[in-house]
Amino acid sequence: MSKNPPIHIHFLLCERMLATSSTLPMEMLLAAESAVRSMLPKDQQRPLDIKTIGLGKSPIATRTGILWQPELTIADKPASDLIYIPGLWRNPRPVVQQHNETLECAIHSLR
């Protein structure tokens, strides 16, 4: 295990999000992390800390109806190296307007 600090990646969850717009990038990041383990010495590696974040702790319904439980909330104010905003079906404006507070908090939580 690396002694270097982890890279904190937070995936924002919101209503009507496309689940694959988050699950696929998560899997790709984990595959890249695995590749790095075989290519770099341990002292040059940084583990990934991937978490989901929501406005609250209530499960979020994706576009397909799958409920996804956030691990963290905006109120937790986690420090992030990268915040991933999911893809939304069709016109994203109504969802973005509903989550204005979330987006502002996300911007301020970047290191």
N, C-alpha and C. Protein backbone atom coordinates (compact mmCIF):
# COMPACT_ATOMS: atom_id res chain seq x y z
N MET A 1 0.84 -1.19 0.00
CA MET A 1 0.00 0.00 0.00
C MET A 1 0.88 1.25 0.00
N SER A 2 0.52 2.20 -0.77
CA SER A 2 1.27 3.44 -0.90
C SER A 2 1.11 4.31 0.34
N LYS A 3 2.18 5.02 0.67
CA LYS A 3 2.11 5.99 1.78
C LYS A 3 1.73 7.37 1.26
N ASN A 4 1.59 7.50 -0.04
CA ASN A 4 1.17 8.77 -0.63
C ASN A 4 -0.31 8.98 -0.35
N PRO A 5 -0.73 10.24 -0.24
CA PRO A 5 -2.15 10.50 0.05
C PRO A 5 -3.04 10.05 -1.11
N PRO A 6 -4.25 9.59 -0.79
CA PRO A 6 -5.14 9.16 -1.86
C PRO A 6 -5.65 10.34 -2.69
N ILE A 7 -6.07 10.03 -3.88
CA ILE A 7 -6.75 11.01 -4.73
C ILE A 7 -8.24 10.87 -4.42
N HIS A 8 -8.85 11.92 -3.89
CA HIS A 8 -10.26 11.89 -3.49
C HIS A 8 -11.14 12.27 -4.68
N ILE A 9 -11.91 11.30 -5.15
CA ILE A 9 -12.81 11.50 -6.29
C ILE A 9 -14.23 11.29 -5.80
N HIS A 10 -15.06 12.31 -6.00
CA HIS A 10 -16.45 12.24 -5.55
C HIS A 10 -17.39 12.31 -6.75
N PHE A 11 -18.28 11.34 -6.82
CA PHE A 11 -19.29 11.27 -7.87
C PHE A 11 -20.60 11.81 -7.33
N LEU A 12 -21.04 12.92 -7.89
CA LEU A 12 -22.28 13.55 -7.48
C LEU A 12 -23.46 12.72 -7.99
N LEU A 13 -24.41 12.45 -7.10
CA LEU A 13 -25.63 11.74 -7.48
C LEU A 13 -26.78 12.72 -7.52
N CYS A 14 -27.60 12.64 -8.56
CA CYS A 14 -28.79 13.50 -8.64
C CYS A 14 -29.90 12.78 -9.39
N GLU A 15 -31.13 13.21 -9.14
CA GLU A 15 -32.29 12.58 -9.75
C GLU A 15 -32.17 12.54 -11.27
N ARG A 16 -32.67 11.47 -11.84
CA ARG A 16 -32.73 11.27 -13.29
C ARG A 16 -31.35 11.19 -13.95
N MET A 17 -30.32 10.99 -13.16
CA MET A 17 -28.99 10.82 -13.75
C MET A 17 -28.93 9.50 -14.50
N LEU A 18 -28.05 9.45 -15.48
CA LEU A 18 -27.80 8.20 -16.20
C LEU A 18 -26.78 7.41 -15.39
N ALA A 19 -27.19 6.28 -14.85
CA ALA A 19 -26.31 5.50 -13.96
C ALA A 19 -24.99 5.15 -14.63
N THR A 20 -25.03 4.78 -15.90
CA THR A 20 -23.79 4.40 -16.59
C THR A 20 -22.84 5.58 -16.77
N SER A 21 -23.35 6.81 -16.68
CA SER A 21 -22.46 7.96 -16.81
C SER A 21 -21.56 8.09 -15.59
N SER A 22 -21.87 7.35 -14.52
CA SER A 22 -21.00 7.32 -13.34
C SER A 22 -20.34 5.95 -13.16
N THR A 23 -21.10 4.88 -13.38
CA THR A 23 -20.52 3.56 -13.13
C THR A 23 -19.37 3.24 -14.09
N LEU A 24 -19.52 3.60 -15.35
CA LEU A 24 -18.45 3.32 -16.31
C LEU A 24 -17.17 4.10 -15.98
N PRO A 25 -17.24 5.41 -15.71
CA PRO A 25 -16.02 6.12 -15.32
C PRO A 25 -15.39 5.57 -14.03
N MET A 26 -16.23 5.14 -13.08
CA MET A 26 -15.69 4.53 -11.85
C MET A 26 -14.86 3.29 -12.19
N GLU A 27 -15.42 2.43 -13.03
CA GLU A 27 -14.72 1.21 -13.42
C GLU A 27 -13.44 1.52 -14.20
N MET A 28 -13.49 2.54 -15.05
CA MET A 28 -12.30 2.92 -15.81
C MET A 28 -11.21 3.47 -14.89
N LEU A 29 -11.60 4.26 -13.90
CA LEU A 29 -10.63 4.79 -12.93
C LEU A 29 -9.98 3.65 -12.14
N LEU A 30 -10.78 2.68 -11.72
CA LEU A 30 -10.23 1.54 -10.98
C LEU A 30 -9.32 0.69 -11.86
N ALA A 31 -9.65 0.55 -13.14
CA ALA A 31 -8.78 -0.18 -14.06
C ALA A 31 -7.46 0.55 -14.24
N ALA A 32 -7.52 1.87 -14.34
CA ALA A 32 -6.29 2.67 -14.47
C ALA A 32 -5.44 2.55 -13.20
N GLU A 33 -6.10 2.57 -12.05
CA GLU A 33 -5.37 2.42 -10.78
C GLU A 33 -4.66 1.07 -10.74
N SER A 34 -5.33 0.04 -11.20
CA SER A 34 -4.75 -1.30 -11.24
C SER A 34 -3.54 -1.34 -12.18
N ALA A 35 -3.65 -0.69 -13.33
CA ALA A 35 -2.54 -0.65 -14.28
C ALA A 35 -1.35 0.08 -13.69
N VAL A 36 -1.61 1.17 -12.98
CA VAL A 36 -0.53 1.95 -12.36
C VAL A 36 0.23 1.09 -11.35
N ARG A 37 -0.49 0.23 -10.62
CA ARG A 37 0.16 -0.64 -9.63
C ARG A 37 1.21 -1.54 -10.27
N SER A 38 0.97 -1.94 -11.52
CA SER A 38 1.92 -2.83 -12.19
C SER A 38 3.03 -2.06 -12.90
N MET A 39 2.87 -0.74 -13.03
CA MET A 39 3.83 0.04 -13.81
C MET A 39 4.76 0.91 -12.97
N LEU A 40 4.30 1.36 -11.81
CA LEU A 40 5.08 2.29 -11.01
C LEU A 40 5.50 1.67 -9.69
N PRO A 41 6.65 2.08 -9.16
CA PRO A 41 7.02 1.62 -7.82
C PRO A 41 6.01 2.14 -6.79
N LYS A 42 5.88 1.43 -5.68
CA LYS A 42 4.89 1.79 -4.67
C LYS A 42 5.04 3.22 -4.17
N ASP A 43 6.26 3.71 -4.08
CA ASP A 43 6.45 5.07 -3.54
C ASP A 43 5.97 6.16 -4.50
N GLN A 44 5.64 5.79 -5.74
CA GLN A 44 5.12 6.76 -6.71
C GLN A 44 3.61 6.60 -6.95
N GLN A 45 3.01 5.63 -6.30
CA GLN A 45 1.59 5.37 -6.51
C GLN A 45 0.74 6.17 -5.53
N ARG A 46 -0.45 6.57 -6.00
CA ARG A 46 -1.45 7.21 -5.14
C ARG A 46 -2.76 6.44 -5.28
N PRO A 47 -3.26 5.90 -4.19
CA PRO A 47 -4.53 5.16 -4.29
C PRO A 47 -5.70 6.09 -4.58
N LEU A 48 -6.74 5.53 -5.16
CA LEU A 48 -7.95 6.30 -5.41
C LEU A 48 -8.94 6.08 -4.27
N ASP A 49 -9.56 7.15 -3.83
CA ASP A 49 -10.63 7.09 -2.84
C ASP A 49 -11.88 7.59 -3.56
N ILE A 50 -12.67 6.65 -4.07
CA ILE A 50 -13.86 6.99 -4.85
C ILE A 50 -15.09 6.85 -3.97
N LYS A 51 -15.85 7.93 -3.87
CA LYS A 51 -17.07 7.94 -3.06
C LYS A 51 -18.19 8.63 -3.85
N THR A 52 -19.43 8.30 -3.47
CA THR A 52 -20.58 8.99 -4.03
C THR A 52 -21.04 10.05 -3.03
N ILE A 53 -21.59 11.13 -3.56
CA ILE A 53 -22.01 12.25 -2.71
C ILE A 53 -23.39 12.74 -3.19
N GLY A 54 -24.22 13.07 -2.22
CA GLY A 54 -25.56 13.57 -2.54
C GLY A 54 -25.93 14.74 -1.66
N LEU A 55 -27.06 15.33 -1.95
CA LEU A 55 -27.54 16.45 -1.15
C LEU A 55 -27.87 15.97 0.26
N GLY A 56 -28.38 14.76 0.37
CA GLY A 56 -28.68 14.13 1.66
C GLY A 56 -28.31 12.67 1.60
N LYS A 57 -28.72 11.91 2.61
CA LYS A 57 -28.41 10.48 2.66
C LYS A 57 -29.48 9.61 2.00
N SER A 58 -30.58 10.23 1.57
CA SER A 58 -31.66 9.45 0.94
C SER A 58 -31.20 8.88 -0.39
N PRO A 59 -31.66 7.68 -0.73
CA PRO A 59 -31.31 7.10 -2.03
C PRO A 59 -31.77 7.99 -3.19
N ILE A 60 -30.98 8.02 -4.23
CA ILE A 60 -31.26 8.82 -5.42
C ILE A 60 -31.77 7.88 -6.51
N ALA A 61 -32.88 8.24 -7.15
CA ALA A 61 -33.42 7.44 -8.25
C ALA A 61 -32.76 7.86 -9.56
N THR A 62 -32.11 6.90 -10.21
CA THR A 62 -31.50 7.17 -11.51
C THR A 62 -32.59 7.16 -12.58
N ARG A 63 -32.20 7.44 -13.80
CA ARG A 63 -33.14 7.47 -14.92
C ARG A 63 -33.88 6.14 -15.09
N THR A 64 -33.19 5.03 -14.79
CA THR A 64 -33.81 3.71 -14.94
C THR A 64 -34.58 3.28 -13.70
N GLY A 65 -34.58 4.10 -12.66
CA GLY A 65 -35.29 3.76 -11.43
C GLY A 65 -34.45 3.05 -10.39
N ILE A 66 -33.20 2.79 -10.71
CA ILE A 66 -32.31 2.17 -9.73
C ILE A 66 -32.05 3.18 -8.62
N LEU A 67 -32.16 2.74 -7.37
CA LEU A 67 -31.89 3.62 -6.24
C LEU A 67 -30.43 3.50 -5.84
N TRP A 68 -29.76 4.64 -5.70
CA TRP A 68 -28.33 4.66 -5.39
C TRP A 68 -28.15 5.47 -4.11
N GLN A 69 -27.60 4.84 -3.09
CA GLN A 69 -27.41 5.44 -1.77
C GLN A 69 -26.09 6.23 -1.74
N PRO A 70 -26.14 7.55 -1.50
CA PRO A 70 -24.89 8.31 -1.39
C PRO A 70 -24.09 7.90 -0.15
N GLU A 71 -22.78 7.88 -0.28
CA GLU A 71 -21.91 7.57 0.86
C GLU A 71 -21.66 8.80 1.71
N LEU A 72 -21.62 9.96 1.06
CA LEU A 72 -21.36 11.23 1.74
C LEU A 72 -22.45 12.22 1.37
N THR A 73 -22.54 13.30 2.14
CA THR A 73 -23.47 14.38 1.79
C THR A 73 -22.68 15.66 1.57
N ILE A 74 -23.30 16.60 0.92
CA ILE A 74 -22.69 17.92 0.73
C ILE A 74 -22.37 18.54 2.08
N ALA A 75 -23.24 18.31 3.08
CA ALA A 75 -23.02 18.87 4.42
C ALA A 75 -21.75 18.33 5.06
N ASP A 76 -21.29 17.15 4.65
CA ASP A 76 -20.03 16.60 5.17
C ASP A 76 -18.83 17.44 4.74
N LYS A 77 -19.00 18.21 3.69
CA LYS A 77 -17.95 19.07 3.12
C LYS A 77 -16.64 18.31 2.92
N PRO A 78 -16.69 17.21 2.18
CA PRO A 78 -15.45 16.47 1.95
C PRO A 78 -14.52 17.22 1.01
N ALA A 79 -13.23 17.13 1.29
CA ALA A 79 -12.24 17.73 0.39
C ALA A 79 -12.13 16.83 -0.84
N SER A 80 -12.16 17.43 -2.00
CA SER A 80 -12.16 16.67 -3.25
C SER A 80 -11.01 17.11 -4.15
N ASP A 81 -10.41 16.13 -4.81
CA ASP A 81 -9.45 16.43 -5.87
C ASP A 81 -10.17 16.49 -7.21
N LEU A 82 -11.28 15.74 -7.31
CA LEU A 82 -12.06 15.70 -8.54
C LEU A 82 -13.52 15.44 -8.17
N ILE A 83 -14.42 16.24 -8.72
CA ILE A 83 -15.85 16.01 -8.54
C ILE A 83 -16.42 15.70 -9.91
N TYR A 84 -17.07 14.56 -10.00
CA TYR A 84 -17.64 14.10 -11.26
C TYR A 84 -19.13 14.38 -11.25
N ILE A 85 -19.60 15.09 -12.24
CA ILE A 85 -21.02 15.41 -12.38
C ILE A 85 -21.61 14.49 -13.44
N PRO A 86 -22.69 13.76 -13.10
CA PRO A 86 -23.20 12.74 -14.02
C PRO A 86 -23.91 13.31 -15.23
N GLY A 87 -24.05 12.46 -16.22
CA GLY A 87 -24.85 12.81 -17.39
C GLY A 87 -26.33 12.76 -17.05
N LEU A 88 -27.08 13.66 -17.66
CA LEU A 88 -28.53 13.72 -17.44
C LEU A 88 -29.25 13.52 -18.76
N TRP A 89 -30.40 12.91 -18.71
CA TRP A 89 -31.17 12.63 -19.91
C TRP A 89 -31.87 13.89 -20.39
N ARG A 90 -31.78 14.14 -21.66
CA ARG A 90 -32.43 15.26 -22.34
C ARG A 90 -32.01 16.61 -21.78
N ASN A 91 -32.99 17.44 -21.40
CA ASN A 91 -32.71 18.80 -20.95
C ASN A 91 -32.27 18.79 -19.48
N PRO A 92 -31.00 19.08 -19.20
CA PRO A 92 -30.52 19.04 -17.81
C PRO A 92 -30.87 20.29 -16.99
N ARG A 93 -31.38 21.34 -17.63
CA ARG A 93 -31.58 22.60 -16.91
C ARG A 93 -32.43 22.48 -15.64
N PRO A 94 -33.59 21.79 -15.67
CA PRO A 94 -34.39 21.70 -14.44
C PRO A 94 -33.64 21.05 -13.28
N VAL A 95 -32.88 19.99 -13.57
CA VAL A 95 -32.13 19.32 -12.51
C VAL A 95 -31.02 20.23 -12.00
N VAL A 96 -30.33 20.91 -12.90
CA VAL A 96 -29.25 21.82 -12.50
C VAL A 96 -29.82 22.94 -11.63
N GLN A 97 -30.98 23.48 -11.99
CA GLN A 97 -31.59 24.55 -11.19
C GLN A 97 -31.99 24.05 -9.80
N GLN A 98 -32.44 22.81 -9.70
CA GLN A 98 -32.81 22.23 -8.41
C GLN A 98 -31.59 22.01 -7.52
N HIS A 99 -30.43 21.86 -8.13
CA HIS A 99 -29.22 21.53 -7.38
C HIS A 99 -28.21 22.67 -7.36
N ASN A 100 -28.67 23.89 -7.43
CA ASN A 100 -27.76 25.04 -7.42
C ASN A 100 -26.89 25.04 -6.17
N GLU A 101 -27.49 24.77 -5.00
CA GLU A 101 -26.73 24.72 -3.74
C GLU A 101 -25.67 23.63 -3.79
N THR A 102 -26.04 22.48 -4.34
CA THR A 102 -25.11 21.37 -4.45
C THR A 102 -23.91 21.75 -5.31
N LEU A 103 -24.16 22.38 -6.44
CA LEU A 103 -23.07 22.77 -7.33
C LEU A 103 -22.16 23.81 -6.68
N GLU A 104 -22.73 24.76 -5.96
CA GLU A 104 -21.91 25.76 -5.27
C GLU A 104 -21.02 25.11 -4.22
N CYS A 105 -21.59 24.18 -3.44
CA CYS A 105 -20.79 23.47 -2.43
C CYS A 105 -19.70 22.64 -3.09
N ALA A 106 -20.03 22.02 -4.21
CA ALA A 106 -19.05 21.20 -4.92
C ALA A 106 -17.87 22.05 -5.38
N ILE A 107 -18.15 23.21 -5.90
CA ILE A 107 -17.09 24.10 -6.36
C ILE A 107 -16.18 24.50 -5.21
N HIS A 108 -16.76 24.78 -4.05
CA HIS A 108 -15.97 25.21 -2.89
C HIS A 108 -15.21 24.07 -2.22
N SER A 109 -15.60 22.81 -2.50
CA SER A 109 -14.92 21.70 -1.85
C SER A 109 -13.68 21.23 -2.61
N LEU A 110 -13.47 21.77 -3.80
CA LEU A 110 -12.25 21.41 -4.54
C LEU A 110 -11.04 21.99 -3.84
N ARG A 111 -10.00 21.21 -3.80
CA ARG A 111 -8.77 21.64 -3.10
C ARG A 111 -8.10 22.75 -3.86
